[in-house]
């Protein structure tokens, strides 16, 4: 069987080339007001932004039970005491990269069991799709307890 195996690629073995930026996309995060988003997801997006791996046609729409505005959401992720500056993993903080990324963060309150909220989310996604020209490409991320996954999927 080993004589039929073929290696198509191996991490670290390929020639080093510049990685292309992501495809245009709206990242829709359910549970966006929680710690998972602030401590892990947003710092990961920040790293991608610093490395030039996010398309200029990329935006984040956060959804959660918390009642706040897009400005509140941006401020929460930027917080001096408990925001990106605390949780990023880079040696130095790139304020310009962060400012560009966080300006593309939006928020829509959404109770996971509120069917009307999903209609509002759909409208917001459509507006962001037109603004960022993402061609309908939406990435769904569930930063929630697994017990909410089924409810969110059913309502989507």
Protein backbone atom coordinates (compact mmCIF):
# COMPACT_ATOMS: atom_id res chain seq x y z
CA UNK A 1 0.00 0.00 0.00
CA UNK A 2 2.87 2.38 0.78
CA UNK A 3 4.06 2.18 -2.83
CA UNK A 4 0.72 3.70 -3.96
CA UNK A 5 0.88 6.66 -1.56
CA UNK A 6 1.68 10.02 -3.05
CA UNK A 7 2.60 13.15 -1.12
CA UNK A 8 0.99 16.24 -2.59
CA UNK A 9 2.38 18.73 -0.12
CA UNK A 10 3.86 18.96 3.30
CA UNK A 11 3.83 21.96 5.60
CA UNK A 12 7.20 23.65 5.54
CA UNK A 13 8.42 21.78 2.48
CA UNK A 14 6.90 24.06 -0.15
CA UNK A 15 8.78 27.05 -1.49
CA UNK A 16 8.05 30.15 0.55
CA UNK A 17 5.64 32.42 -1.30
CA UNK A 18 3.48 35.28 -0.18
CA UNK A 19 0.11 33.99 0.94
CA UNK A 20 -2.85 35.55 -0.82
CA UNK A 21 -5.42 37.55 1.10
CA UNK A 22 -8.70 35.88 1.95
CA UNK A 23 -11.68 35.94 -0.36
CA UNK A 24 -14.28 38.69 0.23
CA UNK A 25 -16.38 37.61 3.19
CA UNK A 26 -18.68 38.65 5.99
CA UNK A 27 -17.89 36.76 9.19
CA UNK A 28 -21.10 36.41 11.20
CA UNK A 29 -20.24 35.62 14.82
CA UNK A 30 -23.01 34.33 17.08
CA UNK A 31 -22.08 34.94 20.72
CA UNK A 32 -19.88 37.87 19.76
CA UNK A 33 -20.20 39.64 23.10
CA UNK A 34 -18.50 36.81 25.01
CA UNK A 35 -14.98 35.99 26.11
CA UNK A 36 -14.25 33.51 23.29
CA UNK A 37 -14.62 36.30 20.75
CA UNK A 38 -12.62 38.86 22.73
CA UNK A 39 -9.82 36.58 23.96
CA UNK A 40 -9.28 34.26 20.98
CA UNK A 41 -11.21 35.05 17.83
CA UNK A 42 -10.54 38.78 17.53
CA UNK A 43 -6.81 38.40 18.29
CA UNK A 44 -6.66 35.74 15.56
CA UNK A 45 -8.34 38.11 13.11
CA UNK A 46 -5.91 40.82 14.19
CA UNK A 47 -2.97 38.51 13.40
CA UNK A 48 -4.39 37.82 9.95
CA UNK A 49 -4.85 41.56 9.38
CA UNK A 50 -1.26 42.29 10.47
CA UNK A 51 0.00 39.67 8.04
CA UNK A 52 -2.06 41.11 5.16
CA UNK A 53 -4.16 37.96 4.92
CA UNK A 54 -7.60 39.58 5.19
CA UNK A 55 -9.26 40.97 2.11
CA UNK A 56 -10.22 44.63 2.09
CA UNK A 57 -13.66 43.19 1.36
CA UNK A 58 -13.90 41.54 4.78
CA UNK A 59 -16.25 42.57 7.58
CA UNK A 60 -17.40 41.13 10.90
CA UNK A 61 -21.00 41.14 12.07
CA UNK A 62 -21.30 40.21 15.72
CA UNK A 63 -24.59 38.92 17.11
CA UNK A 64 -25.51 38.11 20.69
CA UNK A 65 -28.15 38.62 23.36
CA UNK A 66 -26.33 41.69 24.65
CA UNK A 67 -27.99 44.96 23.72
CA UNK A 68 -25.30 47.21 22.23
CA UNK A 69 -24.45 49.17 19.10
CA UNK A 70 -21.66 48.63 16.59
CA UNK A 71 -19.74 51.44 18.31
CA UNK A 72 -20.17 49.69 21.68
CA UNK A 73 -18.95 46.43 20.13
CA UNK A 74 -15.86 48.09 18.67
CA UNK A 75 -15.11 49.74 22.01
CA UNK A 76 -15.55 46.42 23.84
CA UNK A 77 -13.06 44.69 21.54
CA UNK A 78 -10.65 47.66 21.77
CA UNK A 79 -10.81 48.08 25.56
CA UNK A 80 -7.54 49.19 27.16
CA UNK A 81 -7.93 46.93 30.19
CA UNK A 82 -9.48 43.84 28.60
CA UNK A 83 -9.44 44.24 24.82
CA UNK A 84 -7.11 43.54 21.92
CA UNK A 85 -4.07 45.13 23.57
CA UNK A 86 -4.33 42.64 26.42
CA UNK A 87 -5.00 39.53 24.32
CA UNK A 88 -2.95 40.01 21.14
CA UNK A 89 0.09 37.75 20.75
CA UNK A 90 2.43 39.98 18.75
CA UNK A 91 5.61 41.48 20.13
CA UNK A 92 4.38 44.96 19.27
CA UNK A 93 0.88 46.26 18.77
CA UNK A 94 0.13 47.62 15.29
CA UNK A 95 -2.41 50.38 15.92
CA UNK A 96 -2.93 51.10 12.21
CA UNK A 97 -3.75 47.45 11.45
CA UNK A 98 -6.14 47.33 14.41
CA UNK A 99 -7.88 50.58 13.43
CA UNK A 100 -8.43 49.31 9.90
CA UNK A 101 -9.76 45.96 11.15
CA UNK A 102 -12.03 47.23 13.93
CA UNK A 103 -13.59 49.82 11.60
CA UNK A 104 -15.09 46.83 9.77
CA UNK A 105 -16.75 45.42 12.93
CA UNK A 106 -20.53 45.71 13.21
CA UNK A 107 -23.02 44.45 15.75
CA UNK A 108 -26.67 43.37 15.66
CA UNK A 109 -28.48 42.31 18.86
CA UNK A 110 -29.97 38.86 18.37
CA UNK A 111 -31.64 36.61 20.88
CA UNK A 112 -30.90 33.12 19.64
CA UNK A 113 -34.55 32.12 20.02
CA UNK A 114 -35.97 35.35 18.48
CA UNK A 115 -37.08 34.61 14.91
CA UNK A 116 -37.59 38.32 14.16
CA UNK A 117 -33.98 39.02 15.13
CA UNK A 118 -32.79 36.67 12.37
CA UNK A 119 -34.74 38.73 9.83
CA UNK A 120 -32.91 41.84 11.06
CA UNK A 121 -29.58 40.00 10.87
CA UNK A 122 -30.40 38.99 7.29
CA UNK A 123 -31.04 42.66 6.41
CA UNK A 124 -27.77 43.75 8.00
CA UNK A 125 -25.85 41.02 6.18
CA UNK A 126 -27.39 42.17 2.89
CA UNK A 127 -26.29 45.77 3.57
CA UNK A 128 -22.76 44.67 4.47
CA UNK A 129 -22.66 42.38 1.42
CA UNK A 130 -23.44 45.37 -0.81
CA UNK A 131 -21.00 47.65 1.03
CA UNK A 132 -18.07 45.21 1.02
CA UNK A 133 -18.94 43.45 -2.24
CA UNK A 134 -18.63 39.97 -0.75
CA UNK A 135 -20.78 38.24 -3.35
CA UNK A 136 -22.96 36.61 -0.71
CA UNK A 137 -20.00 34.88 0.96
CA UNK A 138 -20.86 34.56 4.66
CA UNK A 139 -18.86 32.60 7.22
CA UNK A 140 -20.89 31.56 10.27
CA UNK A 141 -18.98 31.21 13.54
CA UNK A 142 -20.67 29.93 16.70
CA UNK A 143 -18.89 31.39 19.72
CA UNK A 144 -21.64 29.99 21.93
CA UNK A 145 -22.25 27.02 24.14
CA UNK A 146 -22.92 23.91 22.02
CA UNK A 147 -26.44 23.76 23.44
CA UNK A 148 -27.31 26.79 21.25
CA UNK A 149 -25.97 25.34 17.97
CA UNK A 150 -29.20 23.57 16.98
CA UNK A 151 -31.39 26.56 17.82
CA UNK A 152 -29.21 28.94 15.80
CA UNK A 153 -29.07 26.55 12.83
CA UNK A 154 -32.83 26.03 12.87
CA UNK A 155 -33.44 29.79 12.91
CA UNK A 156 -30.93 30.48 10.16
